Amino acid sequence: MTISSSESAAASRINTQIQLTGMPQGKLTPEVFRQVDVPIPVCGAGQVLVQIKVISLDAANRAWMQGATYRSALEAGQVMAGGAIGEVIESKADGFTAGDLVFGDMGWQRYAVLPAQDVRKVPRIEPITHLLSVYGIAGLTAYFGLLRVGQPKPGQTVVVSAAAGSVGSLVGQIAKIQGCRVVGIAGGAAKCDWLVNTLGFDAAVDYKAGGLSKALKEAAPEGIDVYFDNVGGDVFEACLFRMKQGGRIACCGAVSQYDGEPPRHGPRGVPGLIVTKRLTLQGFVLYDFYPEIDTAMKDLQAWVASGQLKVIEDVRQGLENVPDALIGLLAGDNYGKRMVTL
């Protein structure tokens, strides 16, 4: 599918949207999306009209097409859902004025009207993309998932899957800041070299090279204290069998199961391992930790300012390129946080 740009949308009061034509079966393809032009929505009482600036792309976008998760399932004909940063251009809600920057589930479009309670004010930070990467969904998920759920201690071994992605690349760096030994799992020799030589991981394992269990044993010979899981599937199973007694697993996502055929079996031997090794497996979503966001932001900003935390961003341009950018993300062709500026 070819999607054309609509640069004159604001001037003509037209809102360009990317809608779903249906629910994908198997791998996500461009044909699932269509671009349409509709009138800019009218702002009602208690609402804000937002012009979208940057759209976040996340593996969760694909999971929403499969059914209800922590949000309702998507349906054909809807605007494709997605978190975004936007600027308020009209407000009929207390506490918001034109010019405010806000974050919310605004969808893949140029303009959105949302209830004021569904958006959160964010500070003006340059570059604005940092509000979706290190100071946004990716950074906060990495921070809380590792520190609150994984609870690493200095000297312990932390393993993170999808380690070159938006969350994983930050998890590994935060673990190093905490004094841990860090092993990243990624696809391809180039990504593994990048994790070690650019981000400072202690070791990296290429899951595409085969022999994952053996490679993990070599990279973490004494076992794993904390595993931060972004992928599920065979990688999860391999790490599970390398866990130390009393180990913690932070279950963030299962991207290996989002796009394509469902797995034929779950991890084998799970109940026995959990009992004998006294493992803790905990799923979480960012919303669980919203009361602590200010604390997290202070830490993240301090680490970035000191140079301890590198911000890796993969920024594309143009609403018309959002579908292909998500398809590429699911195929693992990104380094760091992928997003699209409008």
C-alpha atoms as a PDB file:
ATOM      1  CA  MET A   1       0.000   0.000   0.000  1.00  0.00           C
ATOM      2  CA  THR A   2       1.256   3.490  -0.857  1.00  0.00           C
ATOM      3  CA  ILE A   3       0.264   6.230   1.562  1.00  0.00           C
ATOM      4  CA  SER A   4       0.654   9.813   0.361  1.00  0.00           C
ATOM      5  CA  SER A   5       1.548  12.801   2.511  1.00  0.00           C
ATOM      6  CA  SER A   6      -1.007  15.518   3.376  1.00  0.00           C
ATOM      7  CA  GLU A   7       1.084  18.509   4.310  1.00  0.00           C
ATOM      8  CA  SER A   8      -1.812  20.959   3.845  1.00  0.00           C
ATOM      9  CA  ALA A   9      -4.055  19.217   6.396  1.00  0.00           C
ATOM     10  CA  ALA A  10      -4.017  21.979   9.011  1.00  0.00           C
ATOM     11  CA  ALA A  11      -4.660  24.762   6.524  1.00  0.00           C
ATOM     12  CA  SER A  12      -7.657  22.961   5.005  1.00  0.00           C
ATOM     13  CA  ARG A  13      -9.019  21.851   8.411  1.00  0.00           C
ATOM     14  CA  ILE A  14      -8.604  18.254   7.338  1.00  0.00           C
ATOM     15  CA  ASN A  15      -7.447  15.549   9.709  1.00  0.00           C
ATOM     16  CA  THR A  16      -5.455  12.752   8.108  1.00  0.00           C
ATOM     17  CA  GLN A  17      -5.788   9.385   9.820  1.00  0.00           C
ATOM     18  CA  ILE A  18      -4.351   5.889   9.465  1.00  0.00           C
ATOM     19  CA  GLN A  19      -7.204   3.438  10.025  1.00  0.00           C
ATOM     20  CA  LEU A  20      -7.359  -0.336  10.311  1.00  0.00           C
ATOM     21  CA  THR A  21      -9.020  -2.151   7.419  1.00  0.00           C
ATOM     22  CA  GLY A  22      -9.223  -5.393   9.404  1.00  0.00           C
ATOM     23  CA  MET A  23      -7.428  -7.566  11.902  1.00  0.00           C
ATOM     24  CA  PRO A  24      -4.215  -9.129  10.539  1.00  0.00           C
ATOM     25  CA  GLN A  25      -3.833 -12.876  10.238  1.00  0.00           C
ATOM     26  CA  GLY A  26      -0.204 -13.893  10.567  1.00  0.00           C
ATOM     27  CA  LYS A  27       2.484 -11.304   9.906  1.00  0.00           C
ATOM     28  CA  LEU A  28       1.467  -7.666   9.863  1.00  0.00           C
ATOM     29  CA  THR A  29       1.343  -6.209   6.323  1.00  0.00           C
ATOM     30  CA  PRO A  30       0.715  -2.688   4.916  1.00  0.00           C
ATOM     31  CA  GLU A  31      -2.667  -3.803   3.536  1.00  0.00           C
ATOM     32  CA  VAL A  32      -4.073  -3.780   7.073  1.00  0.00           C
ATOM     33  CA  PHE A  33      -3.898   0.040   7.013  1.00  0.00           C
ATOM     34  CA  ARG A  34      -5.502   2.787   4.958  1.00  0.00           C
ATOM     35  CA  GLN A  35      -5.080   6.548   4.947  1.00  0.00           C
ATOM     36  CA  VAL A  36      -8.200   8.701   5.007  1.00  0.00           C
ATOM     37  CA  ASP A  37      -8.978  12.405   5.324  1.00  0.00           C
ATOM     38  CA  VAL A  38     -11.778  13.467   7.664  1.00  0.00           C
ATOM     39  CA  PRO A  39     -12.778  16.799   9.243  1.00  0.00           C
ATOM     40  CA  ILE A  40     -10.755  17.929  12.244  1.00  0.00           C
ATOM     41  CA  PRO A  41     -12.768  16.871  15.320  1.00  0.00           C
ATOM     42  CA  VAL A  42     -14.687  19.429  17.389  1.00  0.00           C
ATOM     43  CA  CYS A  43     -13.525  20.056  20.939  1.00  0.00           C
ATOM     44  CA  GLY A  44     -16.334  19.633  23.499  1.00  0.00           C
ATOM     45  CA  ALA A  45     -16.753  20.391  27.175  1.00  0.00           C
ATOM     46  CA  GLY A  46     -14.038  18.803  29.311  1.00  0.00           C
ATOM     47  CA  GLN A  47     -11.928  17.996  26.248  1.00  0.00           C
ATOM     48  CA  VAL A  48      -8.751  19.175  24.539  1.00  0.00           C
ATOM     49  CA  LEU A  49      -7.976  19.382  20.832  1.00  0.00           C
ATOM     50  CA  VAL A  50      -4.409  18.270  20.233  1.00  0.00           C
ATOM     51  CA  GLN A  51      -2.124  18.548  17.222  1.00  0.00           C
ATOM     52  CA  ILE A  52       0.064  15.452  17.259  1.00  0.00           C
ATOM     53  CA  LYS A  53       3.806  15.980  17.016  1.00  0.00           C
ATOM     54  CA  VAL A  54       5.460  12.581  17.587  1.00  0.00           C
ATOM     55  CA  ILE A  55       3.936   9.081  17.468  1.00  0.00           C
ATOM     56  CA  SER A  56       5.380   6.267  19.577  1.00  0.00           C
ATOM     57  CA  LEU A  57       5.844   2.858  17.973  1.00  0.00           C
ATOM     58  CA  ASP A  58       5.811  -0.126  20.298  1.00  0.00           C
ATOM     59  CA  ALA A  59       5.464  -3.886  19.992  1.00  0.00           C
ATOM     60  CA  ALA A  60       2.275  -3.500  22.044  1.00  0.00           C
ATOM     61  CA  ASN A  61       0.643  -1.859  19.010  1.00  0.00           C
ATOM     62  CA  ARG A  62       0.564  -5.302  17.409  1.00  0.00           C
ATOM     63  CA  ALA A  63      -0.715  -7.006  20.560  1.00  0.00           C
ATOM     64  CA  TRP A  64      -3.735  -4.679  20.616  1.00  0.00           C
ATOM     65  CA  MET A  65      -4.812  -6.126  17.275  1.00  0.00           C
ATOM     66  CA  GLN A  66      -5.089  -9.591  18.817  1.00  0.00           C
ATOM     67  CA  GLY A  67      -7.579  -8.794  21.560  1.00  0.00           C
ATOM     68  CA  ALA A  68      -8.084  -6.956  24.815  1.00  0.00           C
ATOM     69  CA  THR A  69      -4.975  -6.365  26.929  1.00  0.00           C
ATOM     70  CA  TYR A  70      -4.651  -3.536  29.449  1.00  0.00           C
ATOM     71  CA  ARG A  71      -6.721  -1.602  26.908  1.00  0.00           C
ATOM     72  CA  SER A  72      -9.698  -2.635  24.797  1.00  0.00           C
ATOM     73  CA  ALA A  73      -9.132  -4.570  21.571  1.00  0.00           C
ATOM     74  CA  LEU A  74      -8.994  -2.728  18.264  1.00  0.00           C
ATOM     75  CA  GLU A  75     -11.561  -3.149  15.521  1.00  0.00           C
ATOM     76  CA  ALA A  76     -11.681  -2.622  11.764  1.00  0.00           C
ATOM     77  CA  GLY A  77     -12.490   0.955  10.795  1.00  0.00           C
ATOM     78  CA  GLN A  78     -10.901   2.467  13.883  1.00  0.00           C
ATOM     79  CA  VAL A  79      -8.006   4.872  13.889  1.00  0.00           C
ATOM     80  CA  MET A  80      -4.933   2.806  14.718  1.00  0.00           C
ATOM     81  CA  ALA A  81      -4.160   3.324  18.407  1.00  0.00           C
ATOM     82  CA  GLY A  82      -0.857   4.570  19.679  1.00  0.00           C
ATOM     83  CA  GLY A  83       0.723   6.793  22.270  1.00  0.00           C
ATOM     84  CA  ALA A  84       1.877  10.210  21.131  1.00  0.00           C
ATOM     85  CA  ILE A  85       3.089  13.625  22.202  1.00  0.00           C
ATOM     86  CA  GLY A  86       0.965  16.521  21.020  1.00  0.00           C
ATOM     87  CA  GLU A  87       0.360  20.237  21.552  1.00  0.00           C
ATOM     88  CA  VAL A  88      -2.977  21.514  22.823  1.00  0.00           C
ATOM     89  CA  ILE A  89      -4.424  23.939  20.280  1.00  0.00           C
ATOM     90  CA  GLU A  90      -7.830  24.326  21.947  1.00  0.00           C
ATOM     91  CA  SER A  91      -8.987  23.539  25.463  1.00  0.00           C
ATOM     92  CA  LYS A  92     -12.421  23.370  27.042  1.00  0.00           C
ATOM     93  CA  ALA A  93     -11.078  21.702  30.174  1.00  0.00           C
ATOM     94  CA  ASP A  94      -9.782  23.146  33.410  1.00  0.00           C
ATOM     95  CA  GLY A  95      -6.036  22.922  33.832  1.00  0.00           C
ATOM     96  CA  PHE A  96      -5.139  22.916  30.133  1.00  0.00           C
ATOM     97  CA  THR A  97      -4.391  25.843  27.843  1.00  0.00           C
ATOM     98  CA  ALA A  98      -3.293  26.217  24.230  1.00  0.00           C
ATOM     99  CA  GLY A  99       0.404  25.498  23.928  1.00  0.00           C
ATOM    100  CA  ASP A 100       0.555  22.776  26.585  1.00  0.00           C
ATOM    101  CA  LEU A 101       2.421  19.615  25.606  1.00  0.00           C
ATOM    102  CA  VAL A 102       0.572  16.420  26.521  1.00  0.00           C
ATOM    103  CA  PHE A 103       0.984  12.654  26.236  1.00  0.00           C
ATOM    104  CA  GLY A 104      -1.866  10.240  25.604  1.00  0.00           C
ATOM    105  CA  ASP A 105      -3.277   7.481  23.417  1.00  0.00           C
ATOM    106  CA  MET A 106      -3.974   9.805  20.497  1.00  0.00           C
ATOM    107  CA  GLY A 107      -3.783   7.329  17.640  1.00  0.00           C
ATOM    108  CA  TRP A 108      -2.181   7.534  14.226  1.00  0.00           C
ATOM    109  CA  GLN A 109      -3.543  10.867  13.025  1.00  0.00           C
ATOM    110  CA  ARG A 110      -2.687  14.554  12.859  1.00  0.00           C
ATOM    111  CA  TYR A 111      -5.313  15.816  15.288  1.00  0.00           C
ATOM    112  CA  ALA A 112      -7.183  14.235  18.181  1.00  0.00           C
ATOM    113  CA  VAL A 113      -9.854  15.278  20.663  1.00  0.00           C
ATOM    114  CA  LEU A 114      -9.524  13.595  24.040  1.00  0.00           C
ATOM    115  CA  PRO A 115     -11.091  13.946  27.486  1.00  0.00           C
ATOM    116  CA  ALA A 116      -8.750  15.929  29.697  1.00  0.00           C
ATOM    117  CA  GLN A 117      -8.413  12.998  32.119  1.00  0.00           C
ATOM    118  CA  ASP A 118      -6.962  10.861  29.324  1.00  0.00           C
ATOM    119  CA  VAL A 119      -3.909  13.049  28.702  1.00  0.00           C
ATOM    120  CA  ARG A 120      -0.979  13.960  30.905  1.00  0.00           C
ATOM    121  CA  LYS A 121       0.969  17.203  30.753  1.00  0.00           C
ATOM    122  CA  VAL A 122       4.651  16.811  29.968  1.00  0.00           C
ATOM    123  CA  PRO A 123       7.449  19.370  30.225  1.00  0.00           C
ATOM    124  CA  ARG A 124       8.919  21.108  27.203  1.00  0.00           C
ATOM    125  CA  ILE A 125      12.179  19.277  26.643  1.00  0.00           C
ATOM    126  CA  GLU A 126      14.454  19.435  23.622  1.00  0.00           C
ATOM    127  CA  PRO A 127      14.568  17.333  21.644  1.00  0.00           C
ATOM    128  CA  ILE A 128      10.865  16.565  22.016  1.00  0.00           C
ATOM    129  CA  THR A 129      11.553  12.948  21.030  1.00  0.00           C
ATOM    130  CA  HIS A 130      13.120  12.378  24.461  1.00  0.00           C
ATOM    131  CA  LEU A 131       9.577  12.607  25.882  1.00  0.00           C
ATOM    132  CA  LEU A 132       8.801   9.276  24.179  1.00  0.00           C
ATOM    133  CA  SER A 133      12.159   7.600  24.673  1.00  0.00           C
ATOM    134  CA  VAL A 134      14.187   8.038  27.822  1.00  0.00           C
ATOM    135  CA  TYR A 135      11.611  10.250  29.602  1.00  0.00           C
ATOM    136  CA  GLY A 136       8.585   8.483  28.158  1.00  0.00           C
ATOM    137  CA  ILE A 137       7.138   4.996  27.856  1.00  0.00           C
ATOM    138  CA  ALA A 138      10.485   3.334  27.127  1.00  0.00           C
ATOM    139  CA  GLY A 139      12.545   4.924  29.879  1.00  0.00           C
ATOM    140  CA  LEU A 140       9.892   4.679  32.564  1.00  0.00           C
ATOM    141  CA  THR A 141       9.097   1.057  31.690  1.00  0.00           C
ATOM    142  CA  ALA A 142      12.782   0.172  31.858  1.00  0.00           C
ATOM    143  CA  TYR A 143      13.214   2.021  35.160  1.00  0.00           C
ATOM    144  CA  PHE A 144      10.264   0.542  37.028  1.00  0.00           C
ATOM    145  CA  GLY A 145      10.451  -2.915  35.488  1.00  0.00           C
ATOM    146  CA  LEU A 146      14.086  -3.339  36.407  1.00  0.00           C
ATOM    147  CA  LEU A 147      14.326  -1.491  39.719  1.00  0.00           C
ATOM    148  CA  ARG A 148      10.911  -2.152  41.252  1.00  0.00           C
ATOM    149  CA  VAL A 149      10.135  -5.582  39.788  1.00  0.00           C
ATOM    150  CA  GLY A 150      13.585  -7.052  39.125  1.00  0.00           C
ATOM    151  CA  GLN A 151      15.207  -5.478  42.198  1.00  0.00           C
ATOM    152  CA  PRO A 152      18.825  -6.014  41.090  1.00  0.00           C
ATOM    153  CA  LYS A 153      21.684  -5.816  43.582  1.00  0.00           C
ATOM    154  CA  PRO A 154      25.271  -4.719  42.827  1.00  0.00           C
ATOM    155  CA  GLY A 155      27.321  -7.602  41.503  1.00  0.00           C
ATOM    156  CA  GLN A 156      24.314  -9.609  40.337  1.00  0.00           C
ATOM    157  CA  THR A 157      23.815 -10.793  36.758  1.00  0.00           C
ATOM    158  CA  VAL A 158      21.011  -9.168  34.784  1.00  0.00           C
ATOM    159  CA  VAL A 159      19.926 -10.566  31.415  1.00  0.00           C
ATOM    160  CA  VAL A 160      17.614  -8.609  29.115  1.00  0.00           C
ATOM    161  CA  SER A 161      16.018  -9.772  25.853  1.00  0.00           C
ATOM    162  CA  ALA A 162      15.340  -7.494  22.874  1.00  0.00           C
ATOM    163  CA  ALA A 163      18.321  -5.680  24.322  1.00  0.00           C
ATOM    164  CA  ALA A 164      18.873  -3.389  21.337  1.00  0.00           C
ATOM    165  CA  GLY A 165      15.286  -2.160  21.414  1.00  0.00           C
ATOM    166  CA  SER A 166      13.692   0.853  23.043  1.00  0.00           C
ATOM    167  CA  VAL A 167      13.224  -0.640  26.513  1.00  0.00           C
ATOM    168  CA  GLY A 168      15.973  -3.254  26.522  1.00  0.00           C
ATOM    169  CA  SER A 169      18.755  -0.816  25.603  1.00  0.00           C
ATOM    170  CA  LEU A 170      17.816   1.296  28.623  1.00  0.00           C
ATOM    171  CA  VAL A 171      17.328  -1.652  30.992  1.00  0.00           C
ATOM    172  CA  GLY A 172      20.869  -2.836  30.346  1.00  0.00           C
ATOM    173  CA  GLN A 173      22.367   0.596  30.905  1.00  0.00           C
ATOM    174  CA  ILE A 174      20.400   1.176  34.122  1.00  0.00           C
ATOM    175  CA  ALA A 175      21.522  -2.227  35.378  1.00  0.00           C
ATOM    176  CA  LYS A 176      25.150  -1.201  34.740  1.00  0.00           C
ATOM    177  CA  ILE A 177      24.542   2.019  36.683  1.00  0.00           C
ATOM    178  CA  GLN A 178      23.346  -0.191  39.559  1.00  0.00           C
ATOM    179  CA  GLY A 179      26.641  -2.083  39.502  1.00  0.00           C
ATOM    180  CA  CYS A 180      25.364  -5.258  37.844  1.00  0.00           C
ATOM    181  CA  ARG A 181      26.899  -7.549  35.261  1.00  0.00           C
ATOM    182  CA  VAL A 182      24.707  -7.244  32.151  1.00  0.00           C
ATOM    183  CA  VAL A 183      24.077  -9.697  29.331  1.00  0.00           C
ATOM    184  CA  GLY A 184      21.950  -8.648  26.376  1.00  0.00           C
ATOM    185  CA  ILE A 185      20.091 -10.943  23.987  1.00  0.00           C
ATOM    186  CA  ALA A 186      19.596  -9.572  20.475  1.00  0.00           C
ATOM    187  CA  GLY A 187      19.281 -10.698  16.883  1.00  0.00           C
ATOM    188  CA  GLY A 188      22.419 -10.588  14.787  1.00  0.00           C
ATOM    189  CA  ALA A 189      26.131 -10.110  15.339  1.00  0.00           C
ATOM    190  CA  ALA A 190      25.976  -6.390  14.546  1.00  0.00           C
ATOM    191  CA  LYS A 191      23.498  -5.703  17.329  1.00  0.00           C
ATOM    192  CA  CYS A 192      25.443  -7.803  19.782  1.00  0.00           C
ATOM    193  CA  ASP A 193      28.670  -5.934  18.981  1.00  0.00           C
ATOM    194  CA  TRP A 194      26.799  -2.634  19.388  1.00  0.00           C
ATOM    195  CA  LEU A 195      25.484  -3.629  22.817  1.00  0.00           C
ATOM    196  CA  VAL A 196      28.971  -4.385  24.105  1.00  0.00           C
ATOM    197  CA  ASN A 197      31.017  -1.711  22.348  1.00  0.00           C
ATOM    198  CA  THR A 198      28.565   1.199  22.365  1.00  0.00           C
ATOM    199  CA  LEU A 199      26.284   0.652  25.359  1.00  0.00           C
ATOM    200  CA  GLY A 200      28.814  -1.064  27.608  1.00  0.00           C
ATOM    201  CA  PHE A 201      27.084  -4.402  28.183  1.00  0.00           C
ATOM    202  CA  ASP A 202      29.407  -7.063  29.578  1.00  0.00           C
ATOM    203  CA  ALA A 203      28.303  -9.675  27.036  1.00  0.00           C
ATOM    204  CA  ALA A 204      25.718 -10.228  24.331  1.00  0.00           C
ATOM    205  CA  VAL A 205      24.093 -13.339  22.896  1.00  0.00           C
ATOM    206  CA  ASP A 206      22.812 -13.642  19.319  1.00  0.00           C
ATOM    207  CA  TYR A 207      19.596 -15.664  19.510  1.00  0.00           C
ATOM    208  CA  LYS A 208      19.588 -16.036  15.721  1.00  0.00           C
ATOM    209  CA  ALA A 209      22.908 -17.891  15.716  1.00  0.00           C
ATOM    210  CA  GLY A 210      21.464 -21.030  17.302  1.00  0.00           C
ATOM    211  CA  GLY A 211      22.597 -22.768  20.451  1.00  0.00           C
ATOM    212  CA  LEU A 212      20.958 -20.183  22.691  1.00  0.00           C
ATOM    213  CA  SER A 213      21.137 -22.247  25.890  1.00  0.00           C
ATOM    214  CA  LYS A 214      24.840 -22.954  25.445  1.00  0.00           C
ATOM    215  CA  ALA A 215      25.574 -19.312  24.624  1.00  0.00           C
ATOM    216  CA  LEU A 216      23.689 -18.158  27.708  1.00  0.00           C
ATOM    217  CA  LYS A 217      25.652 -20.557  29.882  1.00  0.00           C
ATOM    218  CA  GLU A 218      28.894 -19.127  28.515  1.00  0.00           C
ATOM    219  CA  ALA A 219      27.737 -15.520  28.950  1.00  0.00           C
ATOM    220  CA  ALA A 220      26.302 -16.096  32.436  1.00  0.00           C
ATOM    221  CA  PRO A 221      28.242 -19.089  33.814  1.00  0.00           C
ATOM    222  CA  GLU A 222      27.051 -18.569  37.385  1.00  0.00           C
ATOM    223  CA  GLY A 223      23.410 -18.165  36.364  1.00  0.00           C
ATOM    224  CA  ILE A 224      20.939 -15.291  36.124  1.00  0.00           C
ATOM    225  CA  ASP A 225      19.737 -13.237  39.081  1.00  0.00           C
ATOM    226  CA  VAL A 226      17.339 -10.989  37.153  1.00  0.00           C
ATOM    227  CA  TYR A 227      15.835 -11.636  33.740  1.00  0.00           C
ATOM    228  CA  PHE A 228      13.982  -8.770  32.051  1.00  0.00           C
ATOM    229  CA  ASP A 229      11.749 -10.444  29.473  1.00  0.00           C
ATOM    230  CA  ASN A 230      10.564  -8.539  26.414  1.00  0.00           C
ATOM    231  CA  VAL A 231       9.971 -11.443  24.040  1.00  0.00           C
ATOM    232  CA  GLY A 232       8.594 -14.595  25.667  1.00  0.00           C
ATOM    233  CA  GLY A 233       8.751 -17.848  23.721  1.00  0.00           C
ATOM    234  CA  ASP A 234      11.963 -19.838  23.317  1.00  0.00           C
ATOM    235  CA  VAL A 235      14.157 -17.039  24.679  1.00  0.00           C
ATOM    236  CA  PHE A 236      12.105 -16.931  27.876  1.00  0.00           C
ATOM    237  CA  GLU A 237      12.394 -20.701  28.208  1.00  0.00           C
ATOM    238  CA  ALA A 238      16.164 -20.668  27.738  1.00  0.00           C
ATOM    239  CA  CYS A 239      16.617 -17.970  30.383  1.00  0.00           C
ATOM    240  CA  LEU A 240      14.244 -19.701  32.790  1.00  0.00           C
ATOM    241  CA  PHE A 241      16.546 -22.728  32.965  1.00  0.00           C
ATOM    242  CA  ARG A 242      19.550 -20.486  33.731  1.00  0.00           C
ATOM    243  CA  MET A 243      17.917 -18.680  36.673  1.00  0.00           C
ATOM    244  CA  LYS A 244      19.617 -18.767  40.070  1.00  0.00           C
ATOM    245  CA  GLN A 245      17.787 -19.726  43.224  1.00  0.00           C
ATOM    246  CA  GLY A 246      15.697 -16.761  44.328  1.00  0.00           C
ATOM    247  CA  GLY A 247      15.887 -15.177  40.884  1.00  0.00           C
ATOM    248  CA  ARG A 248      13.407 -12.576  39.664  1.00  0.00           C
ATOM    249  CA  ILE A 249      11.823 -12.340  36.238  1.00  0.00           C
ATOM    250  CA  ALA A 250      10.233  -9.054  35.145  1.00  0.00           C
ATOM    251  CA  CYS A 251       7.698  -9.880  32.423  1.00  0.00           C
ATOM    252  CA  CYS A 252       7.379  -6.781  30.254  1.00  0.00           C
ATOM    253  CA  GLY A 253       6.272  -8.139  26.866  1.00  0.00           C
ATOM    254  CA  ALA A 254       6.101 -11.107  24.541  1.00  0.00           C
ATOM    255  CA  VAL A 255       6.913  -9.724  21.108  1.00  0.00           C
ATOM    256  CA  SER A 256       7.770 -13.189  19.770  1.00  0.00           C
ATOM    257  CA  GLN A 257       4.072 -14.042  20.107  1.00  0.00           C
ATOM    258  CA  TYR A 258       2.556 -10.824  18.742  1.00  0.00           C
ATOM    259  CA  ASP A 259       3.260 -11.078  15.037  1.00  0.00           C
ATOM    260  CA  GLY A 260       2.692 -14.379  13.259  1.00  0.00           C
ATOM    261  CA  GLU A 261       1.612 -17.848  14.236  1.00  0.00           C
ATOM    262  CA  PRO A 262       0.890 -18.502  17.942  1.00  0.00           C
ATOM    263  CA  PRO A 263       3.426 -20.650  19.832  1.00  0.00           C
ATOM    264  CA  ARG A 264       2.857 -24.403  19.737  1.00  0.00           C
ATOM    265  CA  HIS A 265       3.832 -24.907  23.358  1.00  0.00           C
ATOM    266  CA  GLY A 266       4.620 -22.921  26.450  1.00  0.00           C
ATOM    267  CA  PRO A 267       7.851 -23.082  28.431  1.00  0.00           C
ATOM    268  CA  ARG A 268       8.292 -26.628  29.688  1.00  0.00           C
ATOM    269  CA  GLY A 269       9.045 -27.521  33.298  1.00  0.00           C
ATOM    270  CA  VAL A 270       7.872 -24.157  34.633  1.00  0.00           C
ATOM    271  CA  PRO A 271       6.042 -25.263  37.803  1.00  0.00           C
ATOM    272  CA  GLY A 272       8.913 -27.387  39.051  1.00  0.00           C
ATOM    273  CA  LEU A 273      11.509 -24.709  38.352  1.00  0.00           C
ATOM    274  CA  ILE A 274       9.511 -21.990  40.088  1.00  0.00           C
ATOM    275  CA  VAL A 275       9.186 -24.114  43.209  1.00  0.00           C
ATOM    276  CA  THR A 276      12.661 -25.582  43.441  1.00  0.00           C
ATOM    277  CA  LYS A 277      14.463 -22.340  42.588  1.00  0.00           C
ATOM    278  CA  ARG A 278      12.023 -20.107  44.527  1.00  0.00           C
ATOM    279  CA  LEU A 279      11.608 -17.878  41.477  1.00  0.00           C
ATOM    280  CA  THR A 280       9.489 -14.760  41.319  1.00  0.00           C
ATOM    281  CA  LEU A 281       7.774 -13.971  38.005  1.00  0.00           C
ATOM    282  CA  GLN A 282       5.902 -10.680  37.887  1.00  0.00           C
ATOM    283  CA  GLY A 283       4.125  -9.027  35.012  1.00  0.00           C
ATOM    284  CA  PHE A 284       3.706  -5.267  35.042  1.00  0.00           C
ATOM    285  CA  VAL A 285       2.608  -2.270  33.005  1.00  0.00           C
ATOM    286  CA  LEU A 286       3.796   1.298  33.361  1.00  0.00           C
ATOM    287  CA  TYR A 287       0.476   2.513  34.749  1.00  0.00           C
ATOM    288  CA  ASP A 288       1.163   0.487  37.909  1.00  0.00           C
ATOM    289  CA  PHE A 289       3.821   3.027  38.886  1.00  0.00           C
ATOM    290  CA  TYR A 290       2.353   6.403  37.886  1.00  0.00           C
ATOM    291  CA  PRO A 291       2.538   7.785  41.463  1.00  0.00           C
ATOM    292  CA  GLU A 292       6.330   7.381  41.340  1.00  0.00           C
ATOM    293  CA  ILE A 293       6.952   9.032  37.961  1.00  0.00           C
ATOM    294  CA  ASP A 294       8.489  12.214  39.402  1.00  0.00           C
ATOM    295  CA  THR A 295      11.131  10.189  41.236  1.00  0.00           C
ATOM    296  CA  ALA A 296      11.926   8.186  38.116  1.00  0.00           C
ATOM    297  CA  MET A 297      12.207  11.321  35.990  1.00  0.00           C
ATOM    298  CA  LYS A 298      14.721  12.883  38.380  1.00  0.00           C
ATOM    299  CA  ASP A 299      16.904   9.786  38.258  1.00  0.00           C
ATOM    300  CA  LEU A 300      16.686   9.417  34.479  1.00  0.00           C
ATOM    301  CA  GLN A 301      17.497  13.094  33.901  1.00  0.00           C
ATOM    302  CA  ALA A 302      20.477  12.908  36.240  1.00  0.00           C
ATOM    303  CA  TRP A 303      21.850   9.814  34.492  1.00  0.00           C
ATOM    304  CA  VAL A 304      21.466  11.397  31.057  1.00  0.00           C
ATOM    305  CA  ALA A 305      23.102  14.637  32.229  1.00  0.00           C
ATOM    306  CA  SER A 306      26.053  12.722  33.684  1.00  0.00           C
ATOM    307  CA  GLY A 307      26.521  10.679  30.501  1.00  0.00           C
ATOM    308  CA  GLN A 308      25.846   7.401  32.295  1.00  0.00           C
ATOM    309  CA  LEU A 309      22.713   6.788  30.205  1.00  0.00           C
ATOM    310  CA  LYS A 310      22.921   7.040  26.418  1.00  0.00           C
ATOM    311  CA  VAL A 311      19.706   7.980  24.612  1.00  0.00           C
ATOM    312  CA  ILE A 312      19.277   5.867  21.478  1.00  0.00           C
ATOM    313  CA  GLU A 313      16.494   6.971  19.138  1.00  0.00           C
ATOM    314  CA  ASP A 314      15.317   5.723  15.739  1.00  0.00           C
ATOM    315  CA  VAL A 315      13.246   8.595  14.332  1.00  0.00           C
ATOM    316  CA  ARG A 316      11.306   8.446  11.084  1.00  0.00           C
ATOM    317  CA  GLN A 317       9.323  11.291   9.504  1.00  0.00           C
ATOM    318  CA  GLY A 318       5.813  11.497   8.045  1.00  0.00           C
ATOM    319  CA  LEU A 319       2.458  10.026   9.026  1.00  0.00           C
ATOM    320  CA  GLU A 320       2.454   8.042   5.800  1.00  0.00           C
ATOM    321  CA  ASN A 321       5.493   6.098   7.026  1.00  0.00           C
ATOM    322  CA  VAL A 322       4.051   4.946  10.366  1.00  0.00           C
ATOM    323  CA  PRO A 323       2.724   1.551   9.136  1.00  0.00           C
ATOM    324  CA  ASP A 324       6.047   0.530   7.564  1.00  0.00           C
ATOM    325  CA  ALA A 325       7.893   1.757  10.640  1.00  0.00           C
ATOM    326  CA  LEU A 326       5.832  -0.547  12.877  1.00  0.00           C
ATOM    327  CA  ILE A 327       6.276  -3.510  10.532  1.00  0.00           C
ATOM    328  CA  GLY A 328      10.026  -2.928  10.598  1.00  0.00           C
ATOM    329  CA  LEU A 329      10.021  -2.654  14.379  1.00  0.00           C
ATOM    330  CA  LEU A 330       8.324  -6.045  14.673  1.00  0.00           C
ATOM    331  CA  ALA A 331      10.996  -7.470  12.358  1.00  0.00           C
ATOM    332  CA  GLY A 332      13.688  -6.093  14.677  1.00  0.00           C
ATOM    333  CA  ASP A 333      15.283  -3.552  12.335  1.00  0.00           C
ATOM    334  CA  ASN A 334      15.442  -0.763  14.929  1.00  0.00           C
ATOM    335  CA  TYR A 335      18.130   0.346  17.362  1.00  0.00           C
ATOM    336  CA  GLY A 336      16.651   2.024  20.435  1.00  0.00           C
ATOM    337  CA  LYS A 337      13.295   3.782  20.549  1.00  0.00           C
ATOM    338  CA  ARG A 338      11.442   4.030  17.230  1.00  0.00           C
ATOM    339  CA  MET A 339       9.023   6.889  16.663  1.00  0.00           C
ATOM    340  CA  VAL A 340       7.648   9.029  13.849  1.00  0.00           C
ATOM    341  CA  THR A 341       7.541  12.815  13.779  1.00  0.00           C
ATOM    342  CA  LEU A 342       4.702  14.600  11.987  1.00  0.00           C
END
